[in-house]
Amino acid sequence: MNLNIRASSATGFRADRQRGAQLVELALMLPVVLTVIFAIVGYSLLFMIQHTLSSAVSQGARSVAVAGSTADPEAAARQLLLNALPSAMYPAGFSFSTDQLAGAADCGNALGGGTNPTLNCLEFRGFFTTSENAFLSNIPFADTFFPDQLSASAVVLYQSTDAL
């Protein structure tokens, strides 16, 4: 009877050691697994933001092409961003700029539109700065692994409403 008690206590001792080894393995692997999960989530968000930014810039350029010089491309782009992104992602980090390109003839030739003097050319650009967005900048290692800035641009050739 005394032998049976010793055998069961030795088995219990081995099980305790095994549980300790599992805890050490978990402690070593957990940071790696969490880093991979945060990287996947972070890059997925960045791809979504890049796609949405490209769509917003295209929508802003389209508003200029449809309405002529009276259109506000930034308002159209911001409306698309507001509709497409979760509130935690917008508006921090987004900025826009417009540049009238040098001469309708140069722009028209570049876009295959010819040299119509009544046409104007506008470049509309959008930027997203990762560090200015509170949601993305709080992801671990965001400043190390994420790009500093995302950008998108669109060039639009339009006929001014004054020329109509």
N, C-alpha and C. Protein backbone atom coordinates (compact mmCIF):
# COMPACT_ATOMS: atom_id res chain seq x y z
N MET A 1 0.81 -1.18 0.00
CA MET A 1 0.00 0.00 0.00
C MET A 1 0.86 1.26 0.00
N ASN A 2 1.93 1.20 0.65
CA ASN A 2 2.83 2.32 0.71
C ASN A 2 3.43 2.64 -0.67
N LEU A 3 3.64 1.64 -1.50
CA LEU A 3 4.18 1.84 -2.85
C LEU A 3 3.21 2.60 -3.75
N ASN A 4 1.94 2.35 -3.62
CA ASN A 4 0.95 3.03 -4.44
C ASN A 4 0.91 4.53 -4.15
N ILE A 5 1.06 4.90 -2.95
CA ILE A 5 1.05 6.31 -2.58
C ILE A 5 2.27 7.01 -3.19
N ARG A 6 3.40 6.36 -3.15
CA ARG A 6 4.61 6.95 -3.74
C ARG A 6 4.47 7.12 -5.25
N ALA A 7 3.89 6.15 -5.91
CA ALA A 7 3.75 6.22 -7.37
C ALA A 7 2.82 7.36 -7.76
N SER A 8 1.75 7.56 -7.06
CA SER A 8 0.81 8.62 -7.42
C SER A 8 1.41 9.99 -7.12
N SER A 9 2.19 10.11 -6.08
CA SER A 9 2.79 11.41 -5.79
C SER A 9 3.88 11.74 -6.81
N ALA A 10 4.59 10.75 -7.32
CA ALA A 10 5.59 11.00 -8.36
C ALA A 10 4.90 11.46 -9.65
N THR A 11 3.76 10.88 -9.98
CA THR A 11 3.01 11.28 -11.17
C THR A 11 2.51 12.71 -11.01
N GLY A 12 2.02 13.05 -9.84
CA GLY A 12 1.57 14.41 -9.57
C GLY A 12 2.71 15.41 -9.68
N PHE A 13 3.89 15.03 -9.24
CA PHE A 13 5.05 15.91 -9.32
C PHE A 13 5.41 16.19 -10.78
N ARG A 14 5.34 15.14 -11.63
CA ARG A 14 5.63 15.33 -13.07
C ARG A 14 4.61 16.23 -13.73
N ALA A 15 3.34 16.11 -13.34
CA ALA A 15 2.29 16.96 -13.92
C ALA A 15 2.51 18.41 -13.53
N ASP A 16 2.93 18.68 -12.31
CA ASP A 16 3.22 20.05 -11.88
C ASP A 16 4.38 20.63 -12.68
N ARG A 17 5.41 19.82 -12.92
CA ARG A 17 6.55 20.29 -13.73
C ARG A 17 6.12 20.56 -15.16
N GLN A 18 5.24 19.74 -15.69
CA GLN A 18 4.75 19.93 -17.06
C GLN A 18 3.97 21.24 -17.16
N ARG A 19 3.12 21.51 -16.16
CA ARG A 19 2.37 22.76 -16.17
C ARG A 19 3.31 23.96 -16.10
N GLY A 20 4.37 23.86 -15.36
CA GLY A 20 5.35 24.94 -15.28
C GLY A 20 6.04 25.17 -16.61
N ALA A 21 6.34 24.10 -17.32
CA ALA A 21 6.97 24.23 -18.64
C ALA A 21 6.00 24.88 -19.63
N GLN A 22 4.73 24.55 -19.55
CA GLN A 22 3.74 25.17 -20.44
C GLN A 22 3.62 26.66 -20.16
N LEU A 23 3.70 27.04 -18.91
CA LEU A 23 3.63 28.45 -18.55
C LEU A 23 4.83 29.22 -19.09
N VAL A 24 6.00 28.62 -19.03
CA VAL A 24 7.20 29.26 -19.58
C VAL A 24 7.08 29.40 -21.10
N GLU A 25 6.58 28.36 -21.78
CA GLU A 25 6.38 28.42 -23.23
C GLU A 25 5.39 29.52 -23.59
N LEU A 26 4.31 29.64 -22.82
CA LEU A 26 3.33 30.69 -23.07
C LEU A 26 3.96 32.08 -22.89
N ALA A 27 4.74 32.23 -21.84
CA ALA A 27 5.38 33.52 -21.58
C ALA A 27 6.36 33.90 -22.70
N LEU A 28 7.00 32.92 -23.31
CA LEU A 28 7.93 33.20 -24.40
C LEU A 28 7.22 33.48 -25.72
N MET A 29 6.12 32.80 -25.97
CA MET A 29 5.44 32.91 -27.27
C MET A 29 4.37 34.00 -27.33
N LEU A 30 3.80 34.38 -26.20
CA LEU A 30 2.72 35.35 -26.20
C LEU A 30 3.11 36.69 -26.83
N PRO A 31 4.27 37.27 -26.52
CA PRO A 31 4.63 38.53 -27.19
C PRO A 31 4.75 38.40 -28.70
N VAL A 32 5.26 37.30 -29.17
CA VAL A 32 5.41 37.08 -30.61
C VAL A 32 4.04 36.98 -31.27
N VAL A 33 3.16 36.20 -30.67
CA VAL A 33 1.82 36.01 -31.23
C VAL A 33 1.06 37.34 -31.23
N LEU A 34 1.12 38.08 -30.13
CA LEU A 34 0.43 39.37 -30.07
C LEU A 34 0.99 40.37 -31.07
N THR A 35 2.30 40.38 -31.27
CA THR A 35 2.90 41.27 -32.26
C THR A 35 2.40 40.94 -33.66
N VAL A 36 2.32 39.68 -33.99
CA VAL A 36 1.82 39.27 -35.30
C VAL A 36 0.36 39.68 -35.46
N ILE A 37 -0.44 39.48 -34.44
CA ILE A 37 -1.86 39.86 -34.52
C ILE A 37 -2.01 41.37 -34.70
N PHE A 38 -1.27 42.16 -33.91
CA PHE A 38 -1.35 43.62 -34.05
C PHE A 38 -0.85 44.07 -35.42
N ALA A 39 0.17 43.43 -35.96
CA ALA A 39 0.67 43.79 -37.29
C ALA A 39 -0.38 43.50 -38.36
N ILE A 40 -1.05 42.37 -38.27
CA ILE A 40 -2.08 42.03 -39.25
C ILE A 40 -3.22 43.03 -39.19
N VAL A 41 -3.67 43.34 -37.99
CA VAL A 41 -4.77 44.30 -37.83
C VAL A 41 -4.33 45.69 -38.31
N GLY A 42 -3.15 46.11 -37.93
CA GLY A 42 -2.66 47.43 -38.33
C GLY A 42 -2.51 47.59 -39.82
N TYR A 43 -1.89 46.61 -40.47
CA TYR A 43 -1.72 46.71 -41.92
C TYR A 43 -3.06 46.58 -42.65
N SER A 44 -3.97 45.83 -42.12
CA SER A 44 -5.31 45.77 -42.72
C SER A 44 -5.97 47.14 -42.67
N LEU A 45 -5.84 47.81 -41.55
CA LEU A 45 -6.40 49.16 -41.43
C LEU A 45 -5.71 50.12 -42.40
N LEU A 46 -4.38 50.00 -42.53
CA LEU A 46 -3.68 50.88 -43.47
C LEU A 46 -4.11 50.66 -44.91
N PHE A 47 -4.31 49.39 -45.29
CA PHE A 47 -4.79 49.11 -46.65
C PHE A 47 -6.19 49.68 -46.86
N MET A 48 -7.04 49.58 -45.84
CA MET A 48 -8.38 50.14 -45.95
C MET A 48 -8.31 51.67 -46.08
N ILE A 49 -7.44 52.30 -45.29
CA ILE A 49 -7.30 53.76 -45.37
C ILE A 49 -6.76 54.18 -46.72
N GLN A 50 -5.77 53.46 -47.24
CA GLN A 50 -5.21 53.81 -48.56
C GLN A 50 -6.27 53.70 -49.64
N HIS A 51 -7.04 52.65 -49.61
CA HIS A 51 -8.11 52.47 -50.62
C HIS A 51 -9.15 53.58 -50.48
N THR A 52 -9.55 53.89 -49.26
CA THR A 52 -10.55 54.92 -49.04
C THR A 52 -10.02 56.29 -49.43
N LEU A 53 -8.75 56.57 -49.13
CA LEU A 53 -8.14 57.83 -49.51
C LEU A 53 -8.10 57.98 -51.03
N SER A 54 -7.74 56.92 -51.73
CA SER A 54 -7.73 56.96 -53.20
C SER A 54 -9.12 57.22 -53.75
N SER A 55 -10.11 56.57 -53.18
CA SER A 55 -11.50 56.79 -53.61
C SER A 55 -11.95 58.22 -53.32
N ALA A 56 -11.56 58.75 -52.17
CA ALA A 56 -11.94 60.11 -51.80
C ALA A 56 -11.31 61.13 -52.73
N VAL A 57 -10.04 60.93 -53.07
CA VAL A 57 -9.38 61.86 -53.99
C VAL A 57 -10.02 61.78 -55.38
N SER A 58 -10.35 60.59 -55.82
CA SER A 58 -11.03 60.44 -57.12
C SER A 58 -12.39 61.12 -57.10
N GLN A 59 -13.12 60.98 -55.99
CA GLN A 59 -14.43 61.61 -55.87
C GLN A 59 -14.30 63.13 -55.85
N GLY A 60 -13.27 63.65 -55.19
CA GLY A 60 -13.03 65.09 -55.19
C GLY A 60 -12.72 65.60 -56.58
N ALA A 61 -11.86 64.88 -57.30
CA ALA A 61 -11.53 65.28 -58.67
C ALA A 61 -12.76 65.19 -59.57
N ARG A 62 -13.57 64.18 -59.36
CA ARG A 62 -14.79 64.03 -60.15
C ARG A 62 -15.75 65.19 -59.92
N SER A 63 -15.83 65.66 -58.68
CA SER A 63 -16.73 66.78 -58.39
C SER A 63 -16.29 68.04 -59.14
N VAL A 64 -14.97 68.22 -59.30
CA VAL A 64 -14.47 69.35 -60.08
C VAL A 64 -14.80 69.17 -61.55
N ALA A 65 -14.63 67.95 -62.06
CA ALA A 65 -14.91 67.68 -63.48
C ALA A 65 -16.38 67.89 -63.80
N VAL A 66 -17.27 67.53 -62.91
CA VAL A 66 -18.71 67.64 -63.17
C VAL A 66 -19.19 69.08 -63.00
N ALA A 67 -18.75 69.75 -61.91
CA ALA A 67 -19.28 71.07 -61.60
C ALA A 67 -18.42 72.21 -62.14
N GLY A 68 -17.23 71.93 -62.56
CA GLY A 68 -16.35 73.00 -63.03
C GLY A 68 -15.63 73.66 -61.87
N SER A 69 -15.21 74.90 -62.05
CA SER A 69 -14.37 75.56 -61.05
C SER A 69 -15.12 75.91 -59.77
N THR A 70 -16.44 75.80 -59.75
CA THR A 70 -17.18 76.14 -58.54
C THR A 70 -17.19 75.01 -57.52
N ALA A 71 -16.70 73.85 -57.89
CA ALA A 71 -16.73 72.69 -57.00
C ALA A 71 -15.67 72.80 -55.91
N ASP A 72 -15.96 72.21 -54.77
CA ASP A 72 -15.02 72.13 -53.66
C ASP A 72 -14.59 70.67 -53.52
N PRO A 73 -13.43 70.30 -54.10
CA PRO A 73 -13.04 68.89 -54.07
C PRO A 73 -12.79 68.37 -52.66
N GLU A 74 -12.29 69.22 -51.76
CA GLU A 74 -12.01 68.74 -50.41
C GLU A 74 -13.30 68.36 -49.68
N ALA A 75 -14.36 69.14 -49.88
CA ALA A 75 -15.63 68.80 -49.22
C ALA A 75 -16.17 67.47 -49.73
N ALA A 76 -16.05 67.23 -51.03
CA ALA A 76 -16.51 65.95 -51.59
C ALA A 76 -15.67 64.79 -51.05
N ALA A 77 -14.35 64.99 -50.95
CA ALA A 77 -13.48 63.93 -50.44
C ALA A 77 -13.76 63.65 -48.97
N ARG A 78 -13.93 64.70 -48.19
CA ARG A 78 -14.20 64.51 -46.76
C ARG A 78 -15.55 63.83 -46.54
N GLN A 79 -16.53 64.12 -47.38
CA GLN A 79 -17.83 63.45 -47.24
C GLN A 79 -17.70 61.96 -47.50
N LEU A 80 -16.92 61.58 -48.52
CA LEU A 80 -16.71 60.16 -48.79
C LEU A 80 -15.97 59.49 -47.62
N LEU A 81 -14.96 60.16 -47.07
CA LEU A 81 -14.23 59.61 -45.93
C LEU A 81 -15.16 59.43 -44.72
N LEU A 82 -16.02 60.41 -44.50
CA LEU A 82 -16.96 60.35 -43.38
C LEU A 82 -17.91 59.17 -43.52
N ASN A 83 -18.35 58.92 -44.75
CA ASN A 83 -19.28 57.81 -44.99
C ASN A 83 -18.59 56.45 -44.97
N ALA A 84 -17.32 56.40 -45.34
CA ALA A 84 -16.65 55.11 -45.54
C ALA A 84 -15.85 54.62 -44.34
N LEU A 85 -15.38 55.52 -43.49
CA LEU A 85 -14.48 55.10 -42.40
C LEU A 85 -15.19 55.12 -41.06
N PRO A 86 -14.78 54.24 -40.15
CA PRO A 86 -15.30 54.30 -38.78
C PRO A 86 -14.90 55.62 -38.12
N SER A 87 -15.70 56.08 -37.20
CA SER A 87 -15.45 57.39 -36.58
C SER A 87 -14.11 57.44 -35.84
N ALA A 88 -13.60 56.30 -35.37
CA ALA A 88 -12.31 56.30 -34.68
C ALA A 88 -11.15 56.60 -35.64
N MET A 89 -11.34 56.35 -36.92
CA MET A 89 -10.27 56.56 -37.91
C MET A 89 -10.30 57.96 -38.52
N TYR A 90 -11.43 58.62 -38.48
CA TYR A 90 -11.59 59.89 -39.18
C TYR A 90 -11.97 60.95 -38.17
N PRO A 91 -11.51 62.18 -38.26
CA PRO A 91 -10.80 62.85 -39.34
C PRO A 91 -9.30 63.02 -39.09
N ALA A 92 -8.80 62.61 -37.94
CA ALA A 92 -7.40 62.88 -37.61
C ALA A 92 -6.44 62.23 -38.60
N GLY A 93 -5.51 63.03 -39.11
CA GLY A 93 -4.47 62.52 -39.98
C GLY A 93 -4.68 62.81 -41.46
N PHE A 94 -5.89 63.22 -41.86
CA PHE A 94 -6.17 63.46 -43.27
C PHE A 94 -5.96 64.93 -43.62
N SER A 95 -5.34 65.18 -44.77
CA SER A 95 -5.20 66.54 -45.29
C SER A 95 -5.25 66.49 -46.82
N PHE A 96 -5.61 67.61 -47.41
CA PHE A 96 -5.78 67.68 -48.86
C PHE A 96 -5.15 68.94 -49.40
N SER A 97 -4.76 68.90 -50.66
CA SER A 97 -4.24 70.09 -51.33
C SER A 97 -4.63 70.05 -52.80
N THR A 98 -4.76 71.23 -53.37
CA THR A 98 -5.05 71.33 -54.81
C THR A 98 -3.99 72.22 -55.44
N ASP A 99 -3.57 71.86 -56.63
CA ASP A 99 -2.63 72.66 -57.40
C ASP A 99 -3.16 72.79 -58.82
N GLN A 100 -3.23 74.04 -59.28
CA GLN A 100 -3.57 74.29 -60.68
C GLN A 100 -2.30 73.99 -61.47
N LEU A 101 -2.39 73.06 -62.40
CA LEU A 101 -1.20 72.68 -63.15
C LEU A 101 -0.89 73.71 -64.23
N ALA A 102 0.36 73.73 -64.64
CA ALA A 102 0.85 74.77 -65.56
C ALA A 102 0.27 74.60 -66.94
N GLY A 103 -0.72 75.38 -67.24
CA GLY A 103 -1.24 75.44 -68.60
C GLY A 103 -2.14 74.29 -69.00
N ALA A 104 -3.28 74.64 -69.55
CA ALA A 104 -4.23 73.63 -69.99
C ALA A 104 -3.66 72.82 -71.14
N ALA A 105 -2.81 73.45 -71.98
CA ALA A 105 -2.26 72.73 -73.12
C ALA A 105 -1.37 71.59 -72.65
N ASP A 106 -0.50 71.85 -71.68
CA ASP A 106 0.38 70.80 -71.17
C ASP A 106 -0.42 69.68 -70.53
N CYS A 107 -1.38 70.04 -69.72
CA CYS A 107 -2.20 69.05 -69.05
C CYS A 107 -3.06 68.30 -70.06
N GLY A 108 -3.64 69.02 -71.00
CA GLY A 108 -4.48 68.39 -72.01
C GLY A 108 -3.70 67.40 -72.85
N ASN A 109 -2.49 67.76 -73.24
CA ASN A 109 -1.66 66.83 -74.01
C ASN A 109 -1.30 65.61 -73.17
N ALA A 110 -1.03 65.84 -71.89
CA ALA A 110 -0.67 64.73 -71.03
C ALA A 110 -1.84 63.77 -70.85
N LEU A 111 -3.03 64.29 -70.82
CA LEU A 111 -4.22 63.46 -70.64
C LEU A 111 -4.89 63.08 -71.96
N GLY A 112 -4.31 63.51 -73.07
CA GLY A 112 -4.89 63.19 -74.37
C GLY A 112 -6.08 64.06 -74.72
N GLY A 113 -6.18 65.23 -74.10
CA GLY A 113 -7.34 66.10 -74.34
C GLY A 113 -7.09 67.19 -75.36
N GLY A 114 -5.92 67.25 -75.93
CA GLY A 114 -5.65 68.29 -76.90
C GLY A 114 -5.26 69.60 -76.26
N THR A 115 -5.43 70.69 -76.98
CA THR A 115 -4.99 72.01 -76.50
C THR A 115 -6.15 72.99 -76.45
N ASN A 116 -7.28 72.59 -75.97
CA ASN A 116 -8.45 73.45 -75.86
C ASN A 116 -8.19 74.53 -74.81
N PRO A 117 -8.23 75.82 -75.19
CA PRO A 117 -7.90 76.88 -74.23
C PRO A 117 -8.96 77.05 -73.14
N THR A 118 -10.15 76.52 -73.31
CA THR A 118 -11.18 76.67 -72.28
C THR A 118 -11.05 75.62 -71.18
N LEU A 119 -10.11 74.69 -71.33
CA LEU A 119 -9.94 73.64 -70.33
C LEU A 119 -8.91 74.03 -69.29
N ASN A 120 -9.17 73.66 -68.08
CA ASN A 120 -8.24 73.87 -66.97
C ASN A 120 -7.82 72.51 -66.44
N CYS A 121 -6.71 72.51 -65.74
CA CYS A 121 -6.19 71.26 -65.20
C CYS A 121 -5.87 71.45 -63.72
N LEU A 122 -6.32 70.51 -62.93
CA LEU A 122 -6.15 70.59 -61.48
C LEU A 122 -5.64 69.25 -60.96
N GLU A 123 -4.67 69.32 -60.07
CA GLU A 123 -4.23 68.11 -59.38
C GLU A 123 -4.73 68.18 -57.95
N PHE A 124 -5.44 67.14 -57.55
CA PHE A 124 -6.00 67.07 -56.20
C PHE A 124 -5.28 65.96 -55.46
N ARG A 125 -4.71 66.29 -54.31
CA ARG A 125 -3.93 65.31 -53.56
C ARG A 125 -4.49 65.15 -52.15
N GLY A 126 -4.41 63.92 -51.66
CA GLY A 126 -4.81 63.62 -50.30
C GLY A 126 -3.69 62.93 -49.57
N PHE A 127 -3.58 63.22 -48.29
CA PHE A 127 -2.52 62.65 -47.46
C PHE A 127 -3.11 62.11 -46.17
N PHE A 128 -2.50 61.07 -45.66
CA PHE A 128 -2.86 60.54 -44.34
C PHE A 128 -1.57 60.34 -43.57
N THR A 129 -1.44 61.04 -42.45
CA THR A 129 -0.27 60.93 -41.60
C THR A 129 -0.60 60.00 -40.44
N THR A 130 0.09 58.89 -40.38
CA THR A 130 -0.22 57.84 -39.41
C THR A 130 -0.06 58.32 -37.97
N SER A 131 0.98 59.09 -37.70
CA SER A 131 1.25 59.51 -36.32
C SER A 131 0.21 60.48 -35.78
N GLU A 132 -0.54 61.16 -36.66
CA GLU A 132 -1.56 62.10 -36.21
C GLU A 132 -2.88 61.42 -35.87
N ASN A 133 -3.02 60.16 -36.23
CA ASN A 133 -4.26 59.43 -35.96
C ASN A 133 -4.10 58.68 -34.64
N ALA A 134 -4.92 59.05 -33.66
CA ALA A 134 -4.79 58.47 -32.32
C ALA A 134 -5.03 56.97 -32.31
N PHE A 135 -5.93 56.50 -33.14
CA PHE A 135 -6.24 55.07 -33.17
C PHE A 135 -5.04 54.25 -33.63
N LEU A 136 -4.46 54.63 -34.77
CA LEU A 136 -3.33 53.86 -35.32
C LEU A 136 -2.04 54.07 -34.55
N SER A 137 -1.83 55.26 -34.03
CA SER A 137 -0.57 55.51 -33.32
C SER A 137 -0.50 54.79 -31.98
N ASN A 138 -1.64 54.31 -31.47
CA ASN A 138 -1.64 53.56 -30.21
C ASN A 138 -1.40 52.07 -30.39
N ILE A 139 -1.32 51.59 -31.62
CA ILE A 139 -1.01 50.19 -31.86
C ILE A 139 0.48 49.98 -31.55
N PRO A 140 0.82 48.93 -30.80
CA PRO A 140 2.24 48.71 -30.47
C PRO A 140 3.12 48.62 -31.72
N PHE A 141 4.26 49.26 -31.66
CA PHE A 141 5.28 49.29 -32.73
C PHE A 141 4.79 50.00 -33.99
N ALA A 142 3.74 50.82 -33.90
CA ALA A 142 3.21 51.52 -35.07
C ALA A 142 4.26 52.46 -35.66
N ASP A 143 4.98 53.17 -34.81
CA ASP A 143 5.98 54.11 -35.32
C ASP A 143 7.15 53.40 -36.00
N THR A 144 7.37 52.14 -35.69
CA THR A 144 8.47 51.38 -36.28
C THR A 144 8.06 50.72 -37.60
N PHE A 145 6.87 50.12 -37.64
CA PHE A 145 6.50 49.29 -38.79
C PHE A 145 5.60 49.98 -39.80
N PHE A 146 4.82 50.97 -39.40
CA PHE A 146 3.89 51.61 -40.32
C PHE A 146 4.57 52.74 -41.07
N PRO A 147 4.15 53.01 -42.30
CA PRO A 147 4.72 54.15 -43.03
C PRO A 147 4.31 55.46 -42.36
N ASP A 148 5.13 56.49 -42.52
CA ASP A 148 4.82 57.79 -41.92
C ASP A 148 3.60 58.44 -42.56
N GLN A 149 3.49 58.28 -43.89
CA GLN A 149 2.41 58.96 -44.60
C GLN A 149 1.93 58.13 -45.78
N LEU A 150 0.62 58.14 -46.00
CA LEU A 150 0.01 57.56 -47.18
C LEU A 150 -0.45 58.72 -48.06
N SER A 151 -0.44 58.53 -49.37
CA SER A 151 -0.88 59.62 -50.25
C SER A 151 -1.59 59.06 -51.47
N ALA A 152 -2.40 59.91 -52.06
CA ALA A 152 -3.10 59.59 -53.30
C ALA A 152 -3.29 60.89 -54.06
N SER A 153 -3.31 60.82 -55.38
CA SER A 153 -3.53 62.02 -56.17
C SER A 153 -4.34 61.70 -57.41
N ALA A 154 -5.02 62.72 -57.90
CA ALA A 154 -5.80 62.60 -59.13
C ALA A 154 -5.66 63.90 -59.90
N VAL A 155 -5.54 63.79 -61.21
CA VAL A 155 -5.48 64.96 -62.08
C VAL A 155 -6.77 65.00 -62.86
N VAL A 156 -7.38 66.17 -62.89
CA VAL A 156 -8.65 66.33 -63.59
C VAL A 156 -8.53 67.47 -64.60
N LEU A 157 -9.02 67.20 -65.77
CA LEU A 157 -9.11 68.19 -66.84
C LEU A 157 -10.57 68.60 -66.91
N TYR A 158 -10.86 69.88 -66.70
CA TYR A 158 -12.25 70.31 -66.65
C TYR A 158 -12.44 71.60 -67.41
N GLN A 159 -13.67 71.83 -67.80
CA GLN A 159 -14.02 73.07 -68.47
C GLN A 159 -14.62 73.99 -67.44
N SER A 160 -14.04 75.17 -67.34
CA SER A 160 -14.50 76.12 -66.34
C SER A 160 -15.95 76.51 -66.60
N THR A 161 -16.70 76.72 -65.52
CA THR A 161 -18.10 77.12 -65.68
C THR A 161 -18.20 78.50 -66.29
N ASP A 162 -17.14 79.32 -66.19
CA ASP A 162 -17.14 80.66 -66.80
C ASP A 162 -17.10 80.55 -68.33
N ALA A 163 -16.54 79.47 -68.86
CA ALA A 163 -16.38 79.32 -70.32
C ALA A 163 -17.66 78.79 -70.98
N LEU A 164 -18.61 78.35 -70.17
CA LEU A 164 -19.83 77.76 -70.75
C LEU A 164 -20.75 78.81 -71.30
